[in-house]
Each structure stands twice: as structure tokens, then as C-alpha cells.
């Protein structure tokens, strides 16, 4: 989608339809526990002027201030120190009820600058969301309101993106995967079976989202991109329910070893 602009700012808009009531969707997009279930570990002080922090694990963190708080329909925040020397970025999320127990989420990222020098960063906001939105859809469709534990793993290397992508998927038991496939995620554990839900590939990035089948509740997103020519791979894992902490603790160390070994 194009970058829009006026005399004060430049922005991108994203929109998606998700299952759930406005209250369920609000919990997912405007609270710390909700964001932890599909995006990243988050802490949100639920009021105008409250603090907000996203913890991206190996990729650092970002903090901000809540600027709009109108549950269950409008949530906004500003991040002033999200990148060195960058102007503040404001995010506004609106939730609108739609027939059939669904809602429309509209997300707008605005950068307060007239300069087009930051357009690549604004477009980066947009390209980073689709994989997480697939996890959000899964969460609201199957696990809405469940407590969540998440972890994020990352590895970089000089290997070309297509080759690194194939090696990473093979390491996790997802080689030649197609949507609808049931795969046991490596290392082999009977209760870590993933139903491949979404696959996307283009010349800039690739991602695969798998929903963990019962008895293990969760979702895993595998992704890869090549910013600046350096191939970056990542695994974003989300576990739900009473066993979430146990399952995350089992998976994190072995999946870290698999990811790091895939690019050697």
C-alpha cells in the first residue's frame, strides 16, 4: 500500500477482518496480555498518559505513551525513541463490529515528518504485520482470552535468503510444507504437532504460520528477510492455556539450537 502524506506527517494504513466480539478483539490488541498472545511481550498501562512497552527479545524493545483509550473501539499510542534520530511514530487502532461475530481492525502508523527519507521505515511497519495478523486471527478464532507465553528467537547469516529459508524449514520438520499439512515440529515430540495455516513468499520476505494441535495450544511463526543483504531468520512462538509456561520452557532451548544451526 502507498505511503500517504500531508504537510505534517506520513502514514500507512492496514485493515483486516477477524473473528470475535469487540470486547474480545480489544483485549487482544489493546492490553499487555493480549498483545503477548500474537505479537510480542507487552506491558500497557490502560489509560491515557499510561506507559507502554514492547519487548522484542533479541531485537530489543520499544516504549511509548498511551494517547487514546476508548474501550472497546479506539486505542492509540506514540513511540518517541523507537529508532535513533527518527521522528516520533504514532499508532492508532480502531475496532468496529461487523455482522457474523466479526470485527474490522484498522491500524494507522503515522510518522511526524515531511521528509520522504523515512518512507522505507514506514513501509517496513506495514510489511512486518501480516504474519503476526495471521497469528492474531488464529488466536481469536481458537484461543481468545487464553493466557499466553511467548518467546522470540533470531539468527543472522550471509547465506542467500532462499537457501536459508529451505534449511530452516527442514531443520524444524517443515520442508516442502503446504497449507493444511500436519507436521511434527522437530525435535520430535508427540504433542508438538503443527497444522500449517499460512505461507507467504516474495522477493523481500517469507513467513509460515502453524497452529499447534491439541493437546498443545499455540501458534508458531517462522520468518525470514534480508535487510541490507544480511539474511535474518526468526521464530516467534506463542503458547496458550494452563500449560503455556511449561511448553514454552520445553521448546525454547531446543528451537534456539535448531535455528542457530540451520544457518551454519
C-alpha atoms as a PDB file:
ATOM      1  CA  UNK A   1       0.000   0.000   0.000  1.00  0.00           C
ATOM      2  CA  UNK A   2       1.247   3.536  -0.716  1.00  0.00           C
ATOM      3  CA  UNK A   3       2.655   5.925   1.860  1.00  0.00           C
ATOM      4  CA  UNK A   4       0.191   8.778   2.370  1.00  0.00           C
ATOM      5  CA  UNK A   5       1.351  12.251   3.351  1.00  0.00           C
ATOM      6  CA  UNK A   6       0.273  15.796   4.138  1.00  0.00           C
ATOM      7  CA  UNK A   7       2.120  18.871   5.443  1.00  0.00           C
ATOM      8  CA  UNK A   8       2.692  17.364   8.891  1.00  0.00           C
ATOM      9  CA  UNK A   9       3.117  13.607   8.624  1.00  0.00           C
ATOM     10  CA  UNK A  10       3.433  10.484   6.506  1.00  0.00           C
ATOM     11  CA  UNK A  11       1.423   7.330   7.204  1.00  0.00           C
ATOM     12  CA  UNK A  12       0.355   3.847   6.140  1.00  0.00           C
ATOM     13  CA  UNK A  13      -2.978   2.158   6.818  1.00  0.00           C
ATOM     14  CA  UNK A  14      -3.752  -1.529   7.297  1.00  0.00           C
ATOM     15  CA  UNK A  15      -7.107  -3.226   7.708  1.00  0.00           C
ATOM     16  CA  UNK A  16      -8.186  -6.790   8.449  1.00  0.00           C
ATOM     17  CA  UNK A  17     -11.292  -8.716   9.458  1.00  0.00           C
ATOM     18  CA  UNK A  18     -11.022 -11.035  12.463  1.00  0.00           C
ATOM     19  CA  UNK A  19     -13.450 -13.294  14.354  1.00  0.00           C
ATOM     20  CA  UNK A  20     -14.699 -12.203  17.767  1.00  0.00           C
ATOM     21  CA  UNK A  21     -16.705  -9.579  19.612  1.00  0.00           C
ATOM     22  CA  UNK A  22     -15.365  -6.021  20.024  1.00  0.00           C
ATOM     23  CA  UNK A  23     -14.512  -6.878  23.630  1.00  0.00           C
ATOM     24  CA  UNK A  24     -12.505  -9.964  22.616  1.00  0.00           C
ATOM     25  CA  UNK A  25     -10.668  -8.088  19.869  1.00  0.00           C
ATOM     26  CA  UNK A  26      -9.969  -5.152  22.195  1.00  0.00           C
ATOM     27  CA  UNK A  27      -8.443  -7.493  24.757  1.00  0.00           C
ATOM     28  CA  UNK A  28      -6.133  -8.858  22.058  1.00  0.00           C
ATOM     29  CA  UNK A  29      -4.944  -5.562  20.567  1.00  0.00           C
ATOM     30  CA  UNK A  30      -5.049  -3.073  23.445  1.00  0.00           C
ATOM     31  CA  UNK A  31      -3.800  -4.949  26.533  1.00  0.00           C
ATOM     32  CA  UNK A  32      -0.430  -6.351  27.540  1.00  0.00           C
ATOM     33  CA  UNK A  33      -1.609  -9.974  27.929  1.00  0.00           C
ATOM     34  CA  UNK A  34      -3.499  -9.723  24.638  1.00  0.00           C
ATOM     35  CA  UNK A  35      -0.503  -8.490  22.633  1.00  0.00           C
ATOM     36  CA  UNK A  36       1.632 -11.203  24.211  1.00  0.00           C
ATOM     37  CA  UNK A  37      -0.684 -13.778  22.624  1.00  0.00           C
ATOM     38  CA  UNK A  38       0.067 -12.833  18.999  1.00  0.00           C
ATOM     39  CA  UNK A  39       2.663 -10.040  18.735  1.00  0.00           C
ATOM     40  CA  UNK A  40       5.293  -9.769  21.479  1.00  0.00           C
ATOM     41  CA  UNK A  41       5.607  -9.499  25.246  1.00  0.00           C
ATOM     42  CA  UNK A  42       3.954  -6.232  26.184  1.00  0.00           C
ATOM     43  CA  UNK A  43       3.025  -4.126  29.193  1.00  0.00           C
ATOM     44  CA  UNK A  44       0.331  -1.464  28.746  1.00  0.00           C
ATOM     45  CA  UNK A  45      -0.885   0.959  31.402  1.00  0.00           C
ATOM     46  CA  UNK A  46      -4.551   1.082  30.393  1.00  0.00           C
ATOM     47  CA  UNK A  47      -5.265   4.821  30.437  1.00  0.00           C
ATOM     48  CA  UNK A  48      -4.426   7.982  28.525  1.00  0.00           C
ATOM     49  CA  UNK A  49      -0.943   9.037  29.577  1.00  0.00           C
ATOM     50  CA  UNK A  50      -0.073   5.492  30.630  1.00  0.00           C
ATOM     51  CA  UNK A  51       3.191   3.832  29.694  1.00  0.00           C
ATOM     52  CA  UNK A  52       3.567   1.113  27.088  1.00  0.00           C
ATOM     53  CA  UNK A  53       6.454  -1.232  26.336  1.00  0.00           C
ATOM     54  CA  UNK A  54       7.011  -3.919  23.722  1.00  0.00           C
ATOM     55  CA  UNK A  55       9.782  -6.436  24.433  1.00  0.00           C
ATOM     56  CA  UNK A  56      11.155  -7.933  21.202  1.00  0.00           C
ATOM     57  CA  UNK A  57      13.641 -10.249  22.890  1.00  0.00           C
ATOM     58  CA  UNK A  58      16.888 -10.392  20.864  1.00  0.00           C
ATOM     59  CA  UNK A  59      15.676  -7.452  18.749  1.00  0.00           C
ATOM     60  CA  UNK A  60      15.451  -5.019  21.670  1.00  0.00           C
ATOM     61  CA  UNK A  61      12.417  -3.157  22.984  1.00  0.00           C
ATOM     62  CA  UNK A  62      10.303  -0.082  22.329  1.00  0.00           C
ATOM     63  CA  UNK A  63       8.464   2.122  24.807  1.00  0.00           C
ATOM     64  CA  UNK A  64       5.748   4.713  24.389  1.00  0.00           C
ATOM     65  CA  UNK A  65       2.793   6.567  25.852  1.00  0.00           C
ATOM     66  CA  UNK A  66      -0.913   5.813  25.513  1.00  0.00           C
ATOM     67  CA  UNK A  67      -2.618   8.719  23.734  1.00  0.00           C
ATOM     68  CA  UNK A  68      -6.113   7.292  23.128  1.00  0.00           C
ATOM     69  CA  UNK A  69      -8.069   4.891  25.320  1.00  0.00           C
ATOM     70  CA  UNK A  70     -11.722   4.347  24.376  1.00  0.00           C
ATOM     71  CA  UNK A  71     -12.560   0.676  25.033  1.00  0.00           C
ATOM     72  CA  UNK A  72     -13.546  -1.332  23.140  1.00  0.00           C
ATOM     73  CA  UNK A  73     -13.158   0.750  19.988  1.00  0.00           C
ATOM     74  CA  UNK A  74     -10.145   3.089  19.845  1.00  0.00           C
ATOM     75  CA  UNK A  75      -6.571   2.720  21.115  1.00  0.00           C
ATOM     76  CA  UNK A  76      -3.622   4.960  20.300  1.00  0.00           C
ATOM     77  CA  UNK A  77      -0.033   5.397  21.401  1.00  0.00           C
ATOM     78  CA  UNK A  78       3.132   7.270  20.437  1.00  0.00           C
ATOM     79  CA  UNK A  79       6.706   5.939  20.418  1.00  0.00           C
ATOM     80  CA  UNK A  80       9.278   8.734  20.528  1.00  0.00           C
ATOM     81  CA  UNK A  81      12.537   6.773  20.766  1.00  0.00           C
ATOM     82  CA  UNK A  82      11.783   3.813  18.520  1.00  0.00           C
ATOM     83  CA  UNK A  83      14.827   4.468  16.305  1.00  0.00           C
ATOM     84  CA  UNK A  84      17.913   6.682  16.548  1.00  0.00           C
ATOM     85  CA  UNK A  85      17.287  10.211  15.208  1.00  0.00           C
ATOM     86  CA  UNK A  86      13.826   9.222  13.940  1.00  0.00           C
ATOM     87  CA  UNK A  87      10.777  11.443  14.419  1.00  0.00           C
ATOM     88  CA  UNK A  88       8.004  10.098  16.710  1.00  0.00           C
ATOM     89  CA  UNK A  89       5.700   7.432  15.326  1.00  0.00           C
ATOM     90  CA  UNK A  90       2.040   7.348  16.344  1.00  0.00           C
ATOM     91  CA  UNK A  91      -0.175   4.273  16.055  1.00  0.00           C
ATOM     92  CA  UNK A  92      -3.973   4.329  16.104  1.00  0.00           C
ATOM     93  CA  UNK A  93      -6.042   1.136  16.224  1.00  0.00           C
ATOM     94  CA  UNK A  94      -9.812   1.115  15.790  1.00  0.00           C
ATOM     95  CA  UNK A  95     -12.129  -1.857  16.286  1.00  0.00           C
ATOM     96  CA  UNK A  96     -15.512  -1.860  14.532  1.00  0.00           C
ATOM     97  CA  UNK A  97     -18.146  -4.569  14.927  1.00  0.00           C
ATOM     98  CA  UNK A  98     -19.245  -6.387  11.802  1.00  0.00           C
ATOM     99  CA  UNK A  99     -22.077  -8.857  11.263  1.00  0.00           C
ATOM    100  CA  UNK A 100     -21.436 -12.527  11.849  1.00  0.00           C
ATOM    101  CA  UNK A 101     -19.451 -12.133  15.083  1.00  0.00           C
ATOM    102  CA  UNK A 102     -16.528 -10.500  13.334  1.00  0.00           C
ATOM    103  CA  UNK A 103     -14.752  -7.164  13.690  1.00  0.00           C
ATOM    104  CA  UNK A 104     -12.754  -4.891  11.418  1.00  0.00           C
ATOM    105  CA  UNK A 105      -9.392  -3.748  12.775  1.00  0.00           C
ATOM    106  CA  UNK A 106      -7.921  -0.625  11.203  1.00  0.00           C
ATOM    107  CA  UNK A 107      -4.337   0.273  12.085  1.00  0.00           C
ATOM    108  CA  UNK A 108      -2.632   3.535  11.092  1.00  0.00           C
ATOM    109  CA  UNK A 109       1.072   4.255  11.622  1.00  0.00           C
ATOM    110  CA  UNK A 110       1.957   7.950  11.300  1.00  0.00           C
ATOM    111  CA  UNK A 111       5.461   9.432  11.245  1.00  0.00           C
ATOM    112  CA  UNK A 112       5.607  13.138  12.068  1.00  0.00           C
ATOM    113  CA  UNK A 113       7.844  14.363   9.264  1.00  0.00           C
ATOM    114  CA  UNK A 114       7.509  15.931   5.821  1.00  0.00           C
ATOM    115  CA  UNK A 115      10.614  14.153   4.548  1.00  0.00           C
ATOM    116  CA  UNK A 116      10.347  11.128   2.276  1.00  0.00           C
ATOM    117  CA  UNK A 117      13.666   9.892   3.701  1.00  0.00           C
ATOM    118  CA  UNK A 118      11.753   7.772   6.209  1.00  0.00           C
ATOM    119  CA  UNK A 119       9.384   6.118   3.737  1.00  0.00           C
ATOM    120  CA  UNK A 120      11.349   2.850   3.785  1.00  0.00           C
ATOM    121  CA  UNK A 121      10.857   2.650   7.543  1.00  0.00           C
ATOM    122  CA  UNK A 122       7.140   3.391   7.237  1.00  0.00           C
ATOM    123  CA  UNK A 123       6.763   0.696   4.589  1.00  0.00           C
ATOM    124  CA  UNK A 124       8.681  -1.624   6.923  1.00  0.00           C
ATOM    125  CA  UNK A 125       5.938  -1.165   9.539  1.00  0.00           C
ATOM    126  CA  UNK A 126       3.414  -2.354   7.002  1.00  0.00           C
ATOM    127  CA  UNK A 127       5.372  -5.374   5.758  1.00  0.00           C
ATOM    128  CA  UNK A 128       6.068  -6.614   9.268  1.00  0.00           C
ATOM    129  CA  UNK A 129       2.433  -7.096  10.293  1.00  0.00           C
ATOM    130  CA  UNK A 130       0.878  -9.776   8.001  1.00  0.00           C
ATOM    131  CA  UNK A 131       2.500 -12.766   9.686  1.00  0.00           C
ATOM    132  CA  UNK A 132       1.507 -11.509  13.124  1.00  0.00           C
ATOM    133  CA  UNK A 133      -2.001 -10.787  11.860  1.00  0.00           C
ATOM    134  CA  UNK A 134      -2.248 -14.458  10.830  1.00  0.00           C
ATOM    135  CA  UNK A 135      -1.341 -15.425  14.413  1.00  0.00           C
ATOM    136  CA  UNK A 136      -3.903 -12.909  15.727  1.00  0.00           C
ATOM    137  CA  UNK A 137      -6.625 -14.444  13.545  1.00  0.00           C
ATOM    138  CA  UNK A 138      -5.725 -17.911  14.859  1.00  0.00           C
ATOM    139  CA  UNK A 139      -5.743 -16.690  18.463  1.00  0.00           C
ATOM    140  CA  UNK A 140      -9.156 -15.051  18.192  1.00  0.00           C
ATOM    141  CA  UNK A 141     -10.655 -17.982  16.289  1.00  0.00           C
ATOM    142  CA  UNK A 142      -9.432 -20.720  18.627  1.00  0.00           C
ATOM    143  CA  UNK A 143      -7.939 -19.361  21.862  1.00  0.00           C
ATOM    144  CA  UNK A 144      -9.481 -15.943  22.581  1.00  0.00           C
ATOM    145  CA  UNK A 145      -8.857 -14.817  26.148  1.00  0.00           C
ATOM    146  CA  UNK A 146      -6.455 -17.653  26.984  1.00  0.00           C
ATOM    147  CA  UNK A 147      -3.323 -16.693  28.941  1.00  0.00           C
ATOM    148  CA  UNK A 148      -0.219 -16.705  26.764  1.00  0.00           C
ATOM    149  CA  UNK A 149       3.544 -17.120  26.987  1.00  0.00           C
ATOM    150  CA  UNK A 150       5.731 -16.122  24.055  1.00  0.00           C
ATOM    151  CA  UNK A 151       9.371 -16.138  23.058  1.00  0.00           C
ATOM    152  CA  UNK A 152      11.261 -14.828  20.049  1.00  0.00           C
ATOM    153  CA  UNK A 153      14.409 -16.333  18.549  1.00  0.00           C
ATOM    154  CA  UNK A 154      16.608 -14.748  15.890  1.00  0.00           C
ATOM    155  CA  UNK A 155      19.704 -15.654  13.878  1.00  0.00           C
ATOM    156  CA  UNK A 156      21.562 -13.926  11.051  1.00  0.00           C
ATOM    157  CA  UNK A 157      23.985 -15.060   8.387  1.00  0.00           C
ATOM    158  CA  UNK A 158      25.341 -14.411   4.924  1.00  0.00           C
ATOM    159  CA  UNK A 159      23.523 -17.278   3.228  1.00  0.00           C
ATOM    160  CA  UNK A 160      21.131 -16.285   0.405  1.00  0.00           C
ATOM    161  CA  UNK A 161      17.542 -15.965   1.589  1.00  0.00           C
ATOM    162  CA  UNK A 162      16.002 -18.819  -0.487  1.00  0.00           C
ATOM    163  CA  UNK A 163      18.635 -21.300   0.669  1.00  0.00           C
ATOM    164  CA  UNK A 164      18.415 -20.217   4.316  1.00  0.00           C
ATOM    165  CA  UNK A 165      14.615 -20.489   4.197  1.00  0.00           C
ATOM    166  CA  UNK A 166      14.728 -24.085   2.955  1.00  0.00           C
ATOM    167  CA  UNK A 167      17.334 -25.096   5.529  1.00  0.00           C
ATOM    168  CA  UNK A 168      15.417 -23.505   8.407  1.00  0.00           C
ATOM    169  CA  UNK A 169      12.140 -25.202   7.491  1.00  0.00           C
ATOM    170  CA  UNK A 170      13.874 -28.561   7.048  1.00  0.00           C
ATOM    171  CA  UNK A 171      15.507 -28.225  10.466  1.00  0.00           C
ATOM    172  CA  UNK A 172      12.087 -27.836  12.066  1.00  0.00           C
ATOM    173  CA  UNK A 173      10.412 -30.611  10.070  1.00  0.00           C
ATOM    174  CA  UNK A 174       8.601 -28.267   7.694  1.00  0.00           C
ATOM    175  CA  UNK A 175      10.429 -28.912   4.443  1.00  0.00           C
ATOM    176  CA  UNK A 176       8.139 -28.614   1.389  1.00  0.00           C
ATOM    177  CA  UNK A 177       5.232 -27.785   3.705  1.00  0.00           C
ATOM    178  CA  UNK A 178       1.886 -26.766   2.223  1.00  0.00           C
ATOM    179  CA  UNK A 179      -1.164 -25.130   3.805  1.00  0.00           C
ATOM    180  CA  UNK A 180      -3.217 -27.787   5.594  1.00  0.00           C
ATOM    181  CA  UNK A 181      -0.265 -30.098   6.301  1.00  0.00           C
ATOM    182  CA  UNK A 182       0.114 -31.623   9.777  1.00  0.00           C
ATOM    183  CA  UNK A 183       3.766 -31.731  10.800  1.00  0.00           C
ATOM    184  CA  UNK A 184       5.528 -32.805  13.989  1.00  0.00           C
ATOM    185  CA  UNK A 185       7.901 -29.978  14.802  1.00  0.00           C
ATOM    186  CA  UNK A 186      11.476 -31.057  15.466  1.00  0.00           C
ATOM    187  CA  UNK A 187      12.890 -32.240  17.719  1.00  0.00           C
ATOM    188  CA  UNK A 188      10.211 -34.920  17.551  1.00  0.00           C
ATOM    189  CA  UNK A 189       7.659 -34.547  20.324  1.00  0.00           C
ATOM    190  CA  UNK A 190       4.236 -36.134  20.013  1.00  0.00           C
ATOM    191  CA  UNK A 191       2.459 -33.096  21.445  1.00  0.00           C
ATOM    192  CA  UNK A 192       4.190 -30.516  19.229  1.00  0.00           C
ATOM    193  CA  UNK A 193       2.191 -31.072  16.056  1.00  0.00           C
ATOM    194  CA  UNK A 194       1.613 -28.050  13.822  1.00  0.00           C
ATOM    195  CA  UNK A 195      -1.194 -27.503  11.304  1.00  0.00           C
ATOM    196  CA  UNK A 196       0.245 -25.260   8.592  1.00  0.00           C
ATOM    197  CA  UNK A 197      -2.161 -22.347   8.362  1.00  0.00           C
ATOM    198  CA  UNK A 198      -0.476 -19.664   6.255  1.00  0.00           C
ATOM    199  CA  UNK A 199       2.537 -19.459   3.921  1.00  0.00           C
ATOM    200  CA  UNK A 200       3.752 -16.321   2.185  1.00  0.00           C
ATOM    201  CA  UNK A 201       6.797 -15.770  -0.015  1.00  0.00           C
ATOM    202  CA  UNK A 202       8.089 -12.917  -2.136  1.00  0.00           C
ATOM    203  CA  UNK A 203      11.495 -11.497  -3.027  1.00  0.00           C
ATOM    204  CA  UNK A 204      11.677  -9.471   0.200  1.00  0.00           C
ATOM    205  CA  UNK A 205      10.344 -11.765   2.920  1.00  0.00           C
ATOM    206  CA  UNK A 206       8.842 -15.161   3.662  1.00  0.00           C
ATOM    207  CA  UNK A 207       6.828 -16.490   6.591  1.00  0.00           C
ATOM    208  CA  UNK A 208       4.977 -19.619   7.643  1.00  0.00           C
ATOM    209  CA  UNK A 209       2.400 -19.805  10.448  1.00  0.00           C
ATOM    210  CA  UNK A 210       1.460 -23.116  12.053  1.00  0.00           C
ATOM    211  CA  UNK A 211      -1.227 -23.642  14.687  1.00  0.00           C
ATOM    212  CA  UNK A 212      -0.223 -26.187  17.287  1.00  0.00           C
ATOM    213  CA  UNK A 213      -2.748 -29.011  17.508  1.00  0.00           C
ATOM    214  CA  UNK A 214      -4.160 -30.349  20.759  1.00  0.00           C
ATOM    215  CA  UNK A 215      -3.118 -31.153  23.390  1.00  0.00           C
ATOM    216  CA  UNK A 216      -0.627 -28.317  22.964  1.00  0.00           C
ATOM    217  CA  UNK A 217      -2.356 -24.983  22.339  1.00  0.00           C
ATOM    218  CA  UNK A 218      -0.341 -22.377  20.465  1.00  0.00           C
ATOM    219  CA  UNK A 219       0.994 -20.980  17.222  1.00  0.00           C
ATOM    220  CA  UNK A 220       4.455 -20.595  15.715  1.00  0.00           C
ATOM    221  CA  UNK A 221       5.561 -18.138  13.050  1.00  0.00           C
ATOM    222  CA  UNK A 222       8.746 -18.795  11.087  1.00  0.00           C
ATOM    223  CA  UNK A 223      10.056 -15.814   9.140  1.00  0.00           C
ATOM    224  CA  UNK A 224      12.976 -14.634   7.061  1.00  0.00           C
ATOM    225  CA  UNK A 225      14.034 -11.402   5.370  1.00  0.00           C
ATOM    226  CA  UNK A 226      17.269  -9.869   4.118  1.00  0.00           C
ATOM    227  CA  UNK A 227      17.614  -6.237   5.259  1.00  0.00           C
ATOM    228  CA  UNK A 228      20.844  -4.719   3.978  1.00  0.00           C
ATOM    229  CA  UNK A 229      21.822  -8.003   2.351  1.00  0.00           C
ATOM    230  CA  UNK A 230      22.146  -9.833   5.687  1.00  0.00           C
ATOM    231  CA  UNK A 231      19.747 -12.770   5.941  1.00  0.00           C
ATOM    232  CA  UNK A 232      17.743 -12.627   9.182  1.00  0.00           C
ATOM    233  CA  UNK A 233      15.676 -15.589  10.354  1.00  0.00           C
ATOM    234  CA  UNK A 234      13.272 -15.683  13.252  1.00  0.00           C
ATOM    235  CA  UNK A 235      10.942 -17.960  15.202  1.00  0.00           C
ATOM    236  CA  UNK A 236       8.053 -16.363  17.113  1.00  0.00           C
ATOM    237  CA  UNK A 237       6.348 -18.922  19.356  1.00  0.00           C
ATOM    238  CA  UNK A 238       3.081 -18.435  21.253  1.00  0.00           C
ATOM    239  CA  UNK A 239       1.729 -20.934  23.786  1.00  0.00           C
ATOM    240  CA  UNK A 240      -1.734 -20.725  25.368  1.00  0.00           C
ATOM    241  CA  UNK A 241      -3.578 -22.106  28.358  1.00  0.00           C
ATOM    242  CA  UNK A 242      -2.534 -23.522  31.720  1.00  0.00           C
ATOM    243  CA  UNK A 243       0.468 -25.385  30.255  1.00  0.00           C
ATOM    244  CA  UNK A 244       1.787 -22.381  28.302  1.00  0.00           C
ATOM    245  CA  UNK A 245       4.817 -21.718  30.522  1.00  0.00           C
ATOM    246  CA  UNK A 246       5.771 -25.412  30.607  1.00  0.00           C
ATOM    247  CA  UNK A 247       5.518 -25.818  26.839  1.00  0.00           C
ATOM    248  CA  UNK A 248       7.484 -22.628  26.177  1.00  0.00           C
ATOM    249  CA  UNK A 249      10.221 -23.768  28.540  1.00  0.00           C
ATOM    250  CA  UNK A 250      10.447 -27.121  26.726  1.00  0.00           C
ATOM    251  CA  UNK A 251      10.581 -25.609  23.261  1.00  0.00           C
ATOM    252  CA  UNK A 252      12.762 -22.507  23.643  1.00  0.00           C
ATOM    253  CA  UNK A 253      16.239 -24.005  24.228  1.00  0.00           C
ATOM    254  CA  UNK A 254      15.955 -26.748  21.613  1.00  0.00           C
ATOM    255  CA  UNK A 255      14.414 -24.451  18.999  1.00  0.00           C
ATOM    256  CA  UNK A 256      17.163 -21.882  19.618  1.00  0.00           C
ATOM    257  CA  UNK A 257      19.762 -24.546  18.898  1.00  0.00           C
ATOM    258  CA  UNK A 258      17.926 -25.650  15.742  1.00  0.00           C
ATOM    259  CA  UNK A 259      17.620 -22.104  14.413  1.00  0.00           C
ATOM    260  CA  UNK A 260      21.237 -21.228  15.028  1.00  0.00           C
ATOM    261  CA  UNK A 261      22.406 -24.477  13.482  1.00  0.00           C
ATOM    262  CA  UNK A 262      20.264 -24.065  10.366  1.00  0.00           C
ATOM    263  CA  UNK A 263      22.408 -21.207   9.003  1.00  0.00           C
ATOM    264  CA  UNK A 264      25.828 -22.724   9.670  1.00  0.00           C
END
